[in-house]
């Protein structure tokens, strides 16, 4: 069963000009590369520095991506923030601009009770005119959406799925078993190291940030999963894990995003510019990342 929301969804970096405005040409370039390899973009997610992008620039990003998207390519737009009314406003604007779905994290300033989480997502679902997905990412919100809350929310007609970045195998397995036969609710694994494992268990999709730099590898990984060629799928997992190590190992989340842009810049895709408070890597850090990336490319040929 192929659900509407499924496949490889890459949490796209936000390419920036040196004045911190969205780089329109780079957005078009990235969307084209994704479409070429059968993957979809998640704009304004964690990898897209969503908490730091202004309202006007976020609209420009979504509008550009929608205009540039390929046939059958879905545009997912992230909602990140602490002002609920503002999230509803942005969510509706993203849908108006042509986004297929909005993907919302929990507000992150206050610790919420399970009931408060449920009320928050229900409010979004009832006030945003397009499909809403839950985004569970403890690394940034410091909270986990309990599975019983996910279960209740999955019955809402406008809540269409869960993107889960929790590093918890039992939770992942539980979610996949619960929703793989539900035609109206999709489970996306946001744990990069478990792309192969989650798909083999029956996940509807994967959300790997490493897809920014090697979308072709994730296109092939997904093709292998769809044909149940699990040996090939596992092989692509090993290779993509090596790519992820280059920009993630021993780095904070912010540093890893800067390193990812360094790698993409080396391929002529975008600038290295980071939105404050994040910063670019130092010259020494940049050289290390590039040298490791060159070694990977040389040994993978």
Protein backbone atom coordinates (compact mmCIF):
# COMPACT_ATOMS: atom_id res chain seq x y z
CA UNK A 1 0.00 0.00 0.00
CA UNK A 2 1.58 3.25 -1.19
CA UNK A 3 0.35 6.06 1.04
CA UNK A 4 0.12 9.67 -0.09
CA UNK A 5 2.84 10.65 2.37
CA UNK A 6 5.67 8.16 1.99
CA UNK A 7 9.16 7.65 0.59
CA UNK A 8 12.39 9.58 1.16
CA UNK A 9 11.82 13.02 2.67
CA UNK A 10 15.06 14.96 3.08
CA UNK A 11 15.10 17.66 5.78
CA UNK A 12 16.56 20.28 3.46
CA UNK A 13 19.18 22.81 4.47
CA UNK A 14 18.16 26.43 4.00
CA UNK A 15 20.66 27.90 1.50
CA UNK A 16 21.53 31.47 2.37
CA UNK A 17 23.14 34.44 0.69
CA UNK A 18 25.83 36.27 2.66
CA UNK A 19 23.22 38.83 3.77
CA UNK A 20 21.22 35.93 5.34
CA UNK A 21 18.42 36.08 2.78
CA UNK A 22 17.27 32.82 1.19
CA UNK A 23 19.33 31.92 -1.88
CA UNK A 24 16.60 31.39 -4.48
CA UNK A 25 18.84 29.85 -7.14
CA UNK A 26 20.30 27.37 -4.65
CA UNK A 27 16.79 26.37 -3.52
CA UNK A 28 15.83 25.67 -7.13
CA UNK A 29 19.04 23.69 -7.61
CA UNK A 30 18.45 21.52 -4.54
CA UNK A 31 14.79 20.86 -5.35
CA UNK A 32 15.82 19.79 -8.86
CA UNK A 33 18.46 17.39 -7.49
CA UNK A 34 15.91 15.92 -5.10
CA UNK A 35 13.33 15.48 -7.87
CA UNK A 36 15.95 13.86 -10.09
CA UNK A 37 16.44 11.18 -7.45
CA UNK A 38 12.80 10.70 -6.44
CA UNK A 39 13.04 12.32 -3.01
CA UNK A 40 10.91 15.01 -1.38
CA UNK A 41 12.03 18.08 0.62
CA UNK A 42 11.09 18.94 4.19
CA UNK A 43 11.64 22.69 4.33
CA UNK A 44 12.26 24.53 7.60
CA UNK A 45 12.99 21.47 9.67
CA UNK A 46 15.85 21.16 12.16
CA UNK A 47 18.38 20.83 9.34
CA UNK A 48 16.88 23.95 7.77
CA UNK A 49 17.71 26.19 10.76
CA UNK A 50 13.97 26.71 11.12
CA UNK A 51 14.03 28.43 14.50
CA UNK A 52 16.12 31.29 13.07
CA UNK A 53 14.46 31.94 9.68
CA UNK A 54 12.20 35.01 9.55
CA UNK A 55 8.56 34.84 8.55
CA UNK A 56 9.09 36.64 5.23
CA UNK A 57 12.10 34.52 4.28
CA UNK A 58 10.23 31.33 5.21
CA UNK A 59 7.45 32.27 2.80
CA UNK A 60 9.99 32.99 0.08
CA UNK A 61 11.58 29.57 0.65
CA UNK A 62 8.27 27.69 0.48
CA UNK A 63 7.04 29.64 -2.56
CA UNK A 64 10.30 28.99 -4.44
CA UNK A 65 10.29 25.28 -3.62
CA UNK A 66 6.67 24.85 -4.70
CA UNK A 67 7.35 26.56 -8.04
CA UNK A 68 10.46 24.45 -8.61
CA UNK A 69 9.08 21.05 -7.56
CA UNK A 70 8.99 18.14 -9.95
CA UNK A 71 6.08 15.94 -10.90
CA UNK A 72 4.79 13.87 -7.95
CA UNK A 73 7.17 15.66 -5.58
CA UNK A 74 5.61 16.60 -2.23
CA UNK A 75 6.62 19.73 -0.36
CA UNK A 76 6.64 19.37 3.42
CA UNK A 77 6.98 22.57 5.46
CA UNK A 78 8.13 22.62 9.07
CA UNK A 79 6.46 24.56 11.88
CA UNK A 80 8.83 25.41 14.73
CA UNK A 81 8.13 27.97 17.45
CA UNK A 82 6.51 28.79 20.76
CA UNK A 83 3.69 31.15 19.73
CA UNK A 84 0.73 28.98 18.75
CA UNK A 85 -1.17 31.67 16.87
CA UNK A 86 1.94 32.41 14.82
CA UNK A 87 2.34 28.71 14.00
CA UNK A 88 -1.25 28.52 12.74
CA UNK A 89 -0.71 31.67 10.64
CA UNK A 90 2.49 30.30 9.08
CA UNK A 91 0.98 26.87 8.56
CA UNK A 92 -1.96 28.29 6.65
CA UNK A 93 0.32 30.51 4.57
CA UNK A 94 2.53 27.51 3.68
CA UNK A 95 -0.55 25.58 2.55
CA UNK A 96 -1.78 28.60 0.59
CA UNK A 97 1.61 28.81 -1.14
CA UNK A 98 1.28 25.17 -2.20
CA UNK A 99 2.91 23.05 0.49
CA UNK A 100 1.38 19.57 0.64
CA UNK A 101 1.72 19.15 4.39
CA UNK A 102 3.00 20.99 7.47
CA UNK A 103 5.15 19.16 10.00
CA UNK A 104 5.06 20.58 13.53
CA UNK A 105 7.38 20.14 16.50
CA UNK A 106 6.27 20.74 20.05
CA UNK A 107 6.87 24.25 21.43
CA UNK A 108 10.13 23.96 23.35
CA UNK A 109 10.25 26.56 26.14
CA UNK A 110 7.95 24.94 28.70
CA UNK A 111 7.75 21.26 29.52
CA UNK A 112 4.27 20.15 28.44
CA UNK A 113 2.06 17.46 29.94
CA UNK A 114 0.73 14.77 27.60
CA UNK A 115 -2.69 16.47 27.69
CA UNK A 116 -1.13 19.82 26.72
CA UNK A 117 0.67 18.15 23.83
CA UNK A 118 -2.59 16.65 22.61
CA UNK A 119 -4.41 19.98 22.90
CA UNK A 120 -1.60 21.73 20.99
CA UNK A 121 -1.68 19.35 18.02
CA UNK A 122 -5.47 19.20 17.98
CA UNK A 123 -5.55 23.01 17.82
CA UNK A 124 -3.16 23.01 14.85
CA UNK A 125 -5.14 20.29 13.07
CA UNK A 126 -8.43 22.14 13.51
CA UNK A 127 -7.11 25.55 12.46
CA UNK A 128 -4.72 24.77 9.61
CA UNK A 129 -6.40 24.17 6.27
CA UNK A 130 -4.05 21.43 5.04
CA UNK A 131 -2.64 18.15 6.36
CA UNK A 132 -0.64 18.26 9.61
CA UNK A 133 2.06 15.84 10.72
CA UNK A 134 3.54 15.39 14.19
CA UNK A 135 7.29 15.82 14.54
CA UNK A 136 8.85 14.18 17.59
CA UNK A 137 12.43 15.35 18.19
CA UNK A 138 13.61 15.16 21.78
CA UNK A 139 17.05 16.53 20.87
CA UNK A 140 15.61 20.02 20.36
CA UNK A 141 12.33 20.12 22.30
CA UNK A 142 13.63 18.10 25.30
CA UNK A 143 10.29 16.24 25.26
CA UNK A 144 8.92 13.02 23.84
CA UNK A 145 5.38 12.74 22.51
CA UNK A 146 4.02 9.67 24.35
CA UNK A 147 2.78 6.85 22.14
CA UNK A 148 -0.68 6.97 23.69
CA UNK A 149 -0.91 10.64 22.62
CA UNK A 150 0.22 9.73 19.10
CA UNK A 151 -2.43 7.00 19.01
CA UNK A 152 -5.24 9.37 19.94
CA UNK A 153 -4.05 12.06 17.54
CA UNK A 154 -3.76 9.52 14.71
CA UNK A 155 -7.56 9.35 14.69
CA UNK A 156 -7.92 13.03 13.85
CA UNK A 157 -8.84 13.35 10.14
CA UNK A 158 -6.38 16.20 9.55
CA UNK A 159 -3.39 14.61 11.29
CA UNK A 160 -1.69 12.49 8.68
CA UNK A 161 1.45 11.10 10.22
CA UNK A 162 4.43 11.15 12.55
CA UNK A 163 8.04 11.99 11.82
CA UNK A 164 9.93 10.47 14.76
CA UNK A 165 13.60 11.23 15.44
CA UNK A 166 13.73 9.45 18.80
CA UNK A 167 16.66 7.01 19.16
CA UNK A 168 14.50 4.24 20.59
CA UNK A 169 14.24 0.97 18.64
CA UNK A 170 11.29 -0.44 20.61
CA UNK A 171 9.35 2.79 20.11
CA UNK A 172 10.12 2.74 16.39
CA UNK A 173 8.99 -0.87 16.05
CA UNK A 174 5.82 -0.18 18.01
CA UNK A 175 4.90 2.78 15.79
CA UNK A 176 5.53 0.87 12.58
CA UNK A 177 3.37 -2.03 13.71
CA UNK A 178 0.62 0.33 14.83
CA UNK A 179 0.37 2.41 11.64
CA UNK A 180 1.74 0.47 8.67
CA UNK A 181 -1.76 -0.69 7.69
CA UNK A 182 -3.44 2.65 8.36
CA UNK A 183 -3.97 4.32 4.96
CA UNK A 184 -4.45 7.76 6.51
CA UNK A 185 -1.49 7.92 8.91
CA UNK A 186 2.16 7.58 7.89
CA UNK A 187 5.21 6.77 10.00
CA UNK A 188 8.50 8.37 8.98
CA UNK A 189 11.76 7.33 10.63
CA UNK A 190 13.91 10.38 11.40
CA UNK A 191 16.74 8.29 12.83
CA UNK A 192 19.28 8.20 10.02
CA UNK A 193 21.06 5.07 11.18
CA UNK A 194 17.78 3.14 11.05
CA UNK A 195 16.66 3.95 7.50
CA UNK A 196 17.18 0.35 6.36
CA UNK A 197 15.94 -1.16 9.61
CA UNK A 198 12.75 0.89 9.69
CA UNK A 199 11.89 0.22 6.05
CA UNK A 200 12.43 -3.51 6.50
CA UNK A 201 9.95 -3.41 9.40
CA UNK A 202 7.40 -1.58 7.25
CA UNK A 203 7.94 2.17 7.79
CA UNK A 204 6.25 4.39 5.22
CA UNK A 205 9.25 6.64 4.81
CA UNK A 206 12.57 7.93 6.05
CA UNK A 207 13.86 11.44 6.78
CA UNK A 208 17.69 11.45 6.43
CA UNK A 209 19.55 14.77 6.63
CA UNK A 210 22.45 13.11 4.78
CA UNK A 211 20.16 13.07 1.74
CA UNK A 212 21.11 16.73 1.24
CA UNK A 213 24.55 15.70 0.00
CA UNK A 214 23.83 12.24 -1.49
CA UNK A 215 20.16 12.19 -2.54
CA UNK A 216 21.01 9.64 -5.23
CA UNK A 217 22.08 7.12 -2.58
CA UNK A 218 18.80 7.41 -0.71
CA UNK A 219 16.87 7.11 -3.95
CA UNK A 220 18.65 3.81 -4.53
CA UNK A 221 18.19 2.72 -0.91
CA UNK A 222 14.45 3.29 -1.20
CA UNK A 223 14.24 1.56 -4.58
CA UNK A 224 15.93 -1.47 -3.02
CA UNK A 225 13.45 -1.43 -0.13
CA UNK A 226 10.45 -1.20 -2.46
CA UNK A 227 11.67 -4.28 -4.34
CA UNK A 228 12.56 -6.00 -1.04
CA UNK A 229 16.20 -6.27 -2.06
CA UNK A 230 17.27 -6.05 1.56
CA UNK A 231 20.94 -6.86 0.99
CA UNK A 232 21.30 -3.91 -1.35
CA UNK A 233 19.27 -1.71 0.98
CA UNK A 234 21.56 -2.64 3.89
CA UNK A 235 24.60 -1.89 1.74
CA UNK A 236 23.35 1.64 1.02
CA UNK A 237 22.76 2.09 4.75
CA UNK A 238 26.43 1.30 5.44
CA UNK A 239 27.62 3.73 2.76
CA UNK A 240 25.34 6.59 3.81
CA UNK A 241 26.36 6.08 7.44
CA UNK A 242 29.94 6.79 6.37
CA UNK A 243 28.83 10.05 4.75
CA UNK A 244 26.93 11.03 7.90
CA UNK A 245 30.00 10.43 10.04
CA UNK A 246 31.96 13.04 8.05
CA UNK A 247 29.75 15.92 9.14
CA UNK A 248 28.24 14.61 12.39
CA UNK A 249 30.98 12.85 14.37
CA UNK A 250 32.12 14.77 17.49
CA UNK A 251 30.08 17.85 16.55
CA UNK A 252 27.14 19.65 18.07
CA UNK A 253 23.97 19.74 16.00
CA UNK A 254 24.75 23.29 14.87
CA UNK A 255 28.31 22.40 13.90
CA UNK A 256 27.10 19.39 11.93
CA UNK A 257 24.73 21.61 9.92
CA UNK A 258 27.62 23.95 9.13
CA UNK A 259 29.76 20.98 8.06
CA UNK A 260 26.94 19.73 5.82
CA UNK A 261 26.86 23.10 4.06
CA UNK A 262 30.64 22.91 3.62
CA UNK A 263 30.25 19.60 1.80
CA UNK A 264 27.42 20.94 -0.34
CA UNK A 265 29.43 24.08 -1.15
CA UNK A 266 32.28 21.87 -2.37
CA UNK A 267 29.84 20.44 -4.93
CA UNK A 268 28.68 23.89 -6.05
CA UNK A 269 25.21 23.54 -4.53
CA UNK A 270 25.06 26.39 -2.00
CA UNK A 271 27.01 28.82 0.16
CA UNK A 272 28.44 27.97 3.56
CA UNK A 273 26.54 30.83 5.22
CA UNK A 274 24.83 29.97 8.51
CA UNK A 275 22.00 31.92 10.12
CA UNK A 276 22.97 33.43 13.52
CA UNK A 277 23.31 32.34 16.24
CA UNK A 278 24.94 29.44 14.35
CA UNK A 279 28.28 30.12 12.69
CA UNK A 280 30.40 28.70 9.90
CA UNK A 281 33.18 26.24 10.68
CA UNK A 282 36.71 27.51 11.25
CA UNK A 283 39.25 27.12 8.44
CA UNK A 284 40.82 24.14 10.20
CA UNK A 285 37.43 22.46 10.75
CA UNK A 286 36.45 23.14 7.14
CA UNK A 287 39.68 21.61 5.83
CA UNK A 288 39.18 18.49 7.94
CA UNK A 289 35.62 17.99 6.70
CA UNK A 290 36.63 18.51 3.06
CA UNK A 291 39.60 16.15 3.32
CA UNK A 292 37.42 13.42 4.81
CA UNK A 293 34.79 14.00 2.13
CA UNK A 294 37.42 13.73 -0.62
CA UNK A 295 38.71 10.47 0.89
CA UNK A 296 35.16 9.09 0.98
CA UNK A 297 34.53 10.05 -2.65
CA UNK A 298 37.83 8.53 -3.78
CA UNK A 299 37.22 5.23 -1.96
CA UNK A 300 33.57 4.94 -3.03
CA UNK A 301 34.28 5.14 -6.76
